Amino acid sequence: MSQITTHILDTSKGKPAWGLAIILYKKVGTEWIQVAKGITNKDGRLSNLLTEDELLPYAIYKLNFDTKHYFDTLEIETLYPFVEIIFEVKTTEHYHIPLLLNPFGYSTYRGS
């Protein structure tokens, strides 16, 4: 499993958000450098963003979720064209960053 994983639940439907594109960036100085990208599976999960043995250096990262494309596909208007979650990797531990999403709100937390 990747050191960084995510799971997206569309709380307006009570179902996983599948087919949603995600990009992982690393902060380098004032720039954001793309590290990896992927798309959620039918369970709304992205568990292979990085290779199993790839460990990220301690730094600040962000996950960019393409929520506009996801909601456009469902023909649902959304206030948020994308969601970005910024977090800091301080250990070699697993970081699970879930997203609870609906067209007009979202929340996140560090999962397990």
N, C-alpha and C. Protein backbone atom coordinates (compact mmCIF):
# COMPACT_ATOMS: atom_id res chain seq x y z
N MET A 1 0.84 -1.18 0.00
CA MET A 1 0.00 0.00 0.00
C MET A 1 0.89 1.24 0.00
N SER A 2 0.44 2.29 -0.64
CA SER A 2 1.14 3.57 -0.72
C SER A 2 1.24 4.22 0.66
N GLN A 3 2.29 5.00 0.88
CA GLN A 3 2.44 5.74 2.14
C GLN A 3 1.30 6.74 2.31
N ILE A 4 0.79 7.27 1.19
CA ILE A 4 -0.33 8.21 1.23
C ILE A 4 -1.51 7.58 0.51
N THR A 5 -2.64 7.50 1.20
CA THR A 5 -3.86 6.97 0.60
C THR A 5 -5.00 7.92 0.90
N THR A 6 -6.10 7.75 0.15
CA THR A 6 -7.28 8.57 0.39
C THR A 6 -8.53 7.76 0.07
N HIS A 7 -9.63 8.23 0.58
CA HIS A 7 -10.94 7.63 0.34
C HIS A 7 -11.92 8.78 0.29
N ILE A 8 -12.76 8.80 -0.73
CA ILE A 8 -13.72 9.90 -0.87
C ILE A 8 -15.13 9.34 -0.79
N LEU A 9 -15.90 9.90 0.12
CA LEU A 9 -17.30 9.53 0.27
C LEU A 9 -18.15 10.74 -0.12
N ASP A 10 -19.02 10.55 -1.09
CA ASP A 10 -19.97 11.59 -1.48
C ASP A 10 -21.13 11.51 -0.49
N THR A 11 -21.13 12.41 0.48
CA THR A 11 -22.14 12.34 1.56
C THR A 11 -23.53 12.72 1.06
N SER A 12 -23.64 13.39 -0.09
CA SER A 12 -24.96 13.71 -0.62
C SER A 12 -25.65 12.46 -1.18
N LYS A 13 -24.84 11.47 -1.57
CA LYS A 13 -25.38 10.21 -2.10
C LYS A 13 -25.22 9.07 -1.11
N GLY A 14 -24.34 9.26 -0.12
CA GLY A 14 -24.05 8.17 0.81
C GLY A 14 -23.28 7.06 0.15
N LYS A 15 -22.48 7.40 -0.87
CA LYS A 15 -21.74 6.40 -1.64
C LYS A 15 -20.33 6.90 -1.93
N PRO A 16 -19.44 5.98 -2.27
CA PRO A 16 -18.07 6.39 -2.63
C PRO A 16 -18.08 7.24 -3.90
N ALA A 17 -17.14 8.17 -3.96
CA ALA A 17 -16.96 9.01 -5.15
C ALA A 17 -15.88 8.37 -6.01
N TRP A 18 -16.28 7.66 -7.05
CA TRP A 18 -15.31 6.97 -7.90
C TRP A 18 -15.07 7.74 -9.18
N GLY A 19 -13.89 7.52 -9.76
CA GLY A 19 -13.51 8.21 -11.00
C GLY A 19 -13.05 9.63 -10.77
N LEU A 20 -12.70 9.98 -9.54
CA LEU A 20 -12.30 11.34 -9.21
C LEU A 20 -10.77 11.45 -9.29
N ALA A 21 -10.28 12.39 -10.09
CA ALA A 21 -8.84 12.56 -10.29
C ALA A 21 -8.22 13.30 -9.11
N ILE A 22 -7.03 12.83 -8.71
CA ILE A 22 -6.31 13.40 -7.57
C ILE A 22 -4.85 13.58 -7.97
N ILE A 23 -4.28 14.73 -7.57
CA ILE A 23 -2.86 14.99 -7.81
C ILE A 23 -2.20 15.28 -6.46
N LEU A 24 -1.05 14.66 -6.21
CA LEU A 24 -0.26 14.91 -5.01
C LEU A 24 0.88 15.85 -5.38
N TYR A 25 1.02 16.93 -4.60
CA TYR A 25 2.09 17.90 -4.80
C TYR A 25 2.95 17.99 -3.55
N LYS A 26 4.22 18.36 -3.73
CA LYS A 26 5.15 18.63 -2.63
C LYS A 26 5.53 20.10 -2.70
N LYS A 27 5.58 20.74 -1.53
CA LYS A 27 5.99 22.15 -1.47
C LYS A 27 7.51 22.23 -1.45
N VAL A 28 8.05 22.95 -2.41
CA VAL A 28 9.50 23.17 -2.50
C VAL A 28 9.70 24.68 -2.60
N GLY A 29 10.15 25.29 -1.50
CA GLY A 29 10.24 26.75 -1.46
C GLY A 29 8.85 27.34 -1.54
N THR A 30 8.61 28.16 -2.57
CA THR A 30 7.28 28.74 -2.77
C THR A 30 6.51 28.02 -3.88
N GLU A 31 7.09 26.98 -4.44
CA GLU A 31 6.48 26.25 -5.55
C GLU A 31 5.84 24.94 -5.07
N TRP A 32 4.87 24.46 -5.85
CA TRP A 32 4.27 23.14 -5.65
C TRP A 32 4.68 22.26 -6.82
N ILE A 33 5.35 21.16 -6.53
CA ILE A 33 5.87 20.25 -7.54
C ILE A 33 5.02 18.98 -7.53
N GLN A 34 4.53 18.57 -8.71
CA GLN A 34 3.71 17.36 -8.79
C GLN A 34 4.56 16.13 -8.50
N VAL A 35 4.04 15.28 -7.60
CA VAL A 35 4.73 14.05 -7.20
C VAL A 35 4.07 12.83 -7.82
N ALA A 36 2.74 12.80 -7.82
CA ALA A 36 2.01 11.63 -8.31
C ALA A 36 0.57 12.04 -8.63
N LYS A 37 -0.12 11.17 -9.36
CA LYS A 37 -1.54 11.40 -9.64
C LYS A 37 -2.24 10.06 -9.81
N GLY A 38 -3.55 10.09 -9.61
CA GLY A 38 -4.32 8.86 -9.74
C GLY A 38 -5.80 9.16 -9.77
N ILE A 39 -6.60 8.11 -9.87
CA ILE A 39 -8.06 8.23 -9.94
C ILE A 39 -8.66 7.23 -8.96
N THR A 40 -9.69 7.66 -8.24
CA THR A 40 -10.33 6.78 -7.27
C THR A 40 -11.02 5.61 -7.96
N ASN A 41 -11.00 4.46 -7.27
CA ASN A 41 -11.64 3.25 -7.80
C ASN A 41 -13.13 3.23 -7.45
N LYS A 42 -13.80 2.14 -7.77
CA LYS A 42 -15.26 2.02 -7.53
C LYS A 42 -15.63 2.16 -6.06
N ASP A 43 -14.67 1.92 -5.16
CA ASP A 43 -14.91 2.08 -3.72
C ASP A 43 -14.52 3.48 -3.25
N GLY A 44 -14.17 4.38 -4.19
CA GLY A 44 -13.79 5.74 -3.83
C GLY A 44 -12.41 5.84 -3.22
N ARG A 45 -11.60 4.80 -3.39
CA ARG A 45 -10.28 4.76 -2.78
C ARG A 45 -9.16 4.93 -3.80
N LEU A 46 -8.07 5.50 -3.33
CA LEU A 46 -6.83 5.57 -4.10
C LEU A 46 -5.73 5.09 -3.17
N SER A 47 -5.36 3.83 -3.33
CA SER A 47 -4.38 3.23 -2.42
C SER A 47 -3.03 2.98 -3.09
N ASN A 48 -2.92 3.31 -4.39
CA ASN A 48 -1.67 3.08 -5.11
C ASN A 48 -1.09 4.37 -5.68
N LEU A 49 -1.27 5.47 -4.97
CA LEU A 49 -0.76 6.76 -5.42
C LEU A 49 0.76 6.72 -5.56
N LEU A 50 1.42 6.09 -4.60
CA LEU A 50 2.87 5.89 -4.63
C LEU A 50 3.12 4.39 -4.67
N THR A 51 4.32 3.99 -5.09
CA THR A 51 4.64 2.58 -5.04
C THR A 51 4.77 2.15 -3.58
N GLU A 52 4.62 0.87 -3.34
CA GLU A 52 4.59 0.35 -1.97
C GLU A 52 5.85 0.68 -1.18
N ASP A 53 7.01 0.66 -1.83
CA ASP A 53 8.27 0.90 -1.12
C ASP A 53 8.75 2.36 -1.18
N GLU A 54 7.97 3.22 -1.83
CA GLU A 54 8.35 4.63 -1.97
C GLU A 54 7.95 5.41 -0.72
N LEU A 55 8.94 6.01 -0.03
CA LEU A 55 8.67 6.83 1.15
C LEU A 55 8.96 8.29 0.81
N LEU A 56 8.06 9.15 1.22
CA LEU A 56 8.22 10.57 0.95
C LEU A 56 9.14 11.21 1.97
N PRO A 57 9.96 12.16 1.53
CA PRO A 57 10.77 12.91 2.49
C PRO A 57 9.87 13.81 3.34
N TYR A 58 10.34 14.11 4.53
CA TYR A 58 9.57 14.99 5.41
C TYR A 58 9.42 16.33 4.71
N ALA A 59 8.17 16.76 4.57
CA ALA A 59 7.87 18.01 3.86
C ALA A 59 6.38 18.29 3.97
N ILE A 60 5.96 19.37 3.35
CA ILE A 60 4.55 19.73 3.27
C ILE A 60 4.04 19.29 1.90
N TYR A 61 2.87 18.65 1.90
CA TYR A 61 2.27 18.12 0.69
C TYR A 61 0.83 18.61 0.59
N LYS A 62 0.27 18.48 -0.61
CA LYS A 62 -1.17 18.73 -0.76
C LYS A 62 -1.75 17.74 -1.76
N LEU A 63 -2.96 17.36 -1.48
CA LEU A 63 -3.75 16.56 -2.39
C LEU A 63 -4.76 17.49 -3.06
N ASN A 64 -4.80 17.47 -4.38
CA ASN A 64 -5.75 18.27 -5.15
C ASN A 64 -6.80 17.32 -5.73
N PHE A 65 -8.05 17.53 -5.36
CA PHE A 65 -9.16 16.69 -5.79
C PHE A 65 -9.97 17.44 -6.85
N ASP A 66 -10.15 16.87 -8.03
CA ASP A 66 -10.88 17.50 -9.13
C ASP A 66 -12.38 17.28 -8.96
N THR A 67 -12.98 18.03 -8.04
CA THR A 67 -14.39 17.83 -7.69
C THR A 67 -15.33 18.35 -8.78
N LYS A 68 -14.93 19.37 -9.53
CA LYS A 68 -15.80 19.90 -10.59
C LYS A 68 -16.09 18.84 -11.64
N HIS A 69 -15.05 18.17 -12.11
CA HIS A 69 -15.26 17.13 -13.12
C HIS A 69 -16.16 16.02 -12.59
N TYR A 70 -15.94 15.64 -11.33
CA TYR A 70 -16.76 14.60 -10.71
C TYR A 70 -18.23 15.00 -10.70
N PHE A 71 -18.53 16.22 -10.20
CA PHE A 71 -19.93 16.66 -10.13
C PHE A 71 -20.50 16.97 -11.51
N ASP A 72 -19.68 17.48 -12.45
CA ASP A 72 -20.15 17.70 -13.82
C ASP A 72 -20.62 16.39 -14.44
N THR A 73 -19.89 15.31 -14.19
CA THR A 73 -20.26 14.00 -14.72
C THR A 73 -21.63 13.57 -14.21
N LEU A 74 -21.95 13.96 -12.97
CA LEU A 74 -23.25 13.63 -12.37
C LEU A 74 -24.32 14.67 -12.69
N GLU A 75 -23.93 15.72 -13.44
CA GLU A 75 -24.82 16.84 -13.76
C GLU A 75 -25.35 17.52 -12.50
N ILE A 76 -24.42 17.73 -11.56
CA ILE A 76 -24.73 18.40 -10.30
C ILE A 76 -23.85 19.64 -10.18
N GLU A 77 -24.47 20.77 -9.86
CA GLU A 77 -23.72 22.00 -9.65
C GLU A 77 -22.97 21.92 -8.33
N THR A 78 -21.74 22.46 -8.31
CA THR A 78 -20.95 22.48 -7.08
C THR A 78 -20.35 23.86 -6.85
N LEU A 79 -20.17 24.20 -5.61
CA LEU A 79 -19.53 25.46 -5.26
C LEU A 79 -18.01 25.36 -5.37
N TYR A 80 -17.47 24.16 -5.19
CA TYR A 80 -16.02 23.95 -5.13
C TYR A 80 -15.53 23.22 -6.37
N PRO A 81 -14.84 23.92 -7.29
CA PRO A 81 -14.32 23.25 -8.49
C PRO A 81 -13.20 22.27 -8.17
N PHE A 82 -12.51 22.48 -7.07
CA PHE A 82 -11.52 21.53 -6.59
C PHE A 82 -11.37 21.73 -5.09
N VAL A 83 -10.86 20.69 -4.45
CA VAL A 83 -10.57 20.75 -3.02
C VAL A 83 -9.09 20.44 -2.86
N GLU A 84 -8.40 21.24 -2.05
CA GLU A 84 -7.00 20.98 -1.75
C GLU A 84 -6.84 20.77 -0.26
N ILE A 85 -6.19 19.69 0.09
CA ILE A 85 -5.90 19.38 1.49
C ILE A 85 -4.39 19.42 1.65
N ILE A 86 -3.93 20.33 2.49
CA ILE A 86 -2.50 20.49 2.74
C ILE A 86 -2.17 19.85 4.08
N PHE A 87 -1.09 19.06 4.09
CA PHE A 87 -0.70 18.35 5.30
C PHE A 87 0.81 18.19 5.33
N GLU A 88 1.34 17.86 6.50
CA GLU A 88 2.78 17.72 6.67
C GLU A 88 3.15 16.28 6.99
N VAL A 89 4.08 15.73 6.22
CA VAL A 89 4.61 14.40 6.48
C VAL A 89 5.82 14.57 7.40
N LYS A 90 5.73 13.97 8.59
CA LYS A 90 6.79 14.11 9.58
C LYS A 90 7.44 12.79 9.96
N THR A 91 6.87 11.68 9.47
CA THR A 91 7.39 10.35 9.80
C THR A 91 7.28 9.46 8.56
N THR A 92 7.76 8.26 8.68
CA THR A 92 7.61 7.29 7.58
C THR A 92 6.31 6.49 7.73
N GLU A 93 5.44 6.91 8.64
CA GLU A 93 4.16 6.23 8.86
C GLU A 93 3.25 6.38 7.64
N HIS A 94 2.19 5.61 7.63
CA HIS A 94 1.14 5.70 6.63
C HIS A 94 0.28 6.93 6.92
N TYR A 95 -0.06 7.68 5.89
CA TYR A 95 -0.94 8.85 6.01
C TYR A 95 -2.18 8.59 5.16
N HIS A 96 -3.32 8.42 5.83
CA HIS A 96 -4.59 8.24 5.14
C HIS A 96 -5.37 9.55 5.29
N ILE A 97 -5.67 10.18 4.14
CA ILE A 97 -6.32 11.50 4.14
C ILE A 97 -7.68 11.37 3.45
N PRO A 98 -8.74 11.04 4.20
CA PRO A 98 -10.07 10.89 3.61
C PRO A 98 -10.72 12.25 3.33
N LEU A 99 -11.66 12.23 2.39
CA LEU A 99 -12.44 13.43 2.07
C LEU A 99 -13.91 13.06 2.10
N LEU A 100 -14.67 13.76 2.94
CA LEU A 100 -16.13 13.65 2.96
C LEU A 100 -16.64 14.83 2.13
N LEU A 101 -17.35 14.55 1.07
CA LEU A 101 -17.64 15.54 0.04
C LEU A 101 -19.12 15.62 -0.27
N ASN A 102 -19.61 16.84 -0.49
CA ASN A 102 -20.92 17.05 -1.10
C ASN A 102 -20.80 18.31 -1.96
N PRO A 103 -21.79 18.64 -2.77
CA PRO A 103 -21.63 19.76 -3.70
C PRO A 103 -21.36 21.12 -3.05
N PHE A 104 -21.74 21.27 -1.78
CA PHE A 104 -21.59 22.58 -1.14
C PHE A 104 -20.84 22.53 0.18
N GLY A 105 -20.04 21.47 0.36
CA GLY A 105 -19.24 21.39 1.57
C GLY A 105 -18.34 20.16 1.55
N TYR A 106 -17.35 20.18 2.44
CA TYR A 106 -16.46 19.03 2.57
C TYR A 106 -15.77 19.09 3.92
N SER A 107 -15.26 17.93 4.36
CA SER A 107 -14.44 17.87 5.56
C SER A 107 -13.41 16.76 5.39
N THR A 108 -12.39 16.79 6.24
CA THR A 108 -11.33 15.81 6.17
C THR A 108 -10.78 15.56 7.56
N TYR A 109 -9.98 14.54 7.67
CA TYR A 109 -9.35 14.19 8.95
C TYR A 109 -8.21 13.22 8.62
N ARG A 110 -7.36 12.92 9.60
CA ARG A 110 -6.34 11.90 9.39
C ARG A 110 -6.94 10.55 9.77
N GLY A 111 -7.07 9.70 8.80
CA GLY A 111 -7.64 8.38 9.03
C GLY A 111 -6.57 7.37 9.35
N SER A 112 -6.96 6.11 9.33
CA SER A 112 -6.01 5.05 9.63
C SER A 112 -5.94 4.05 8.50
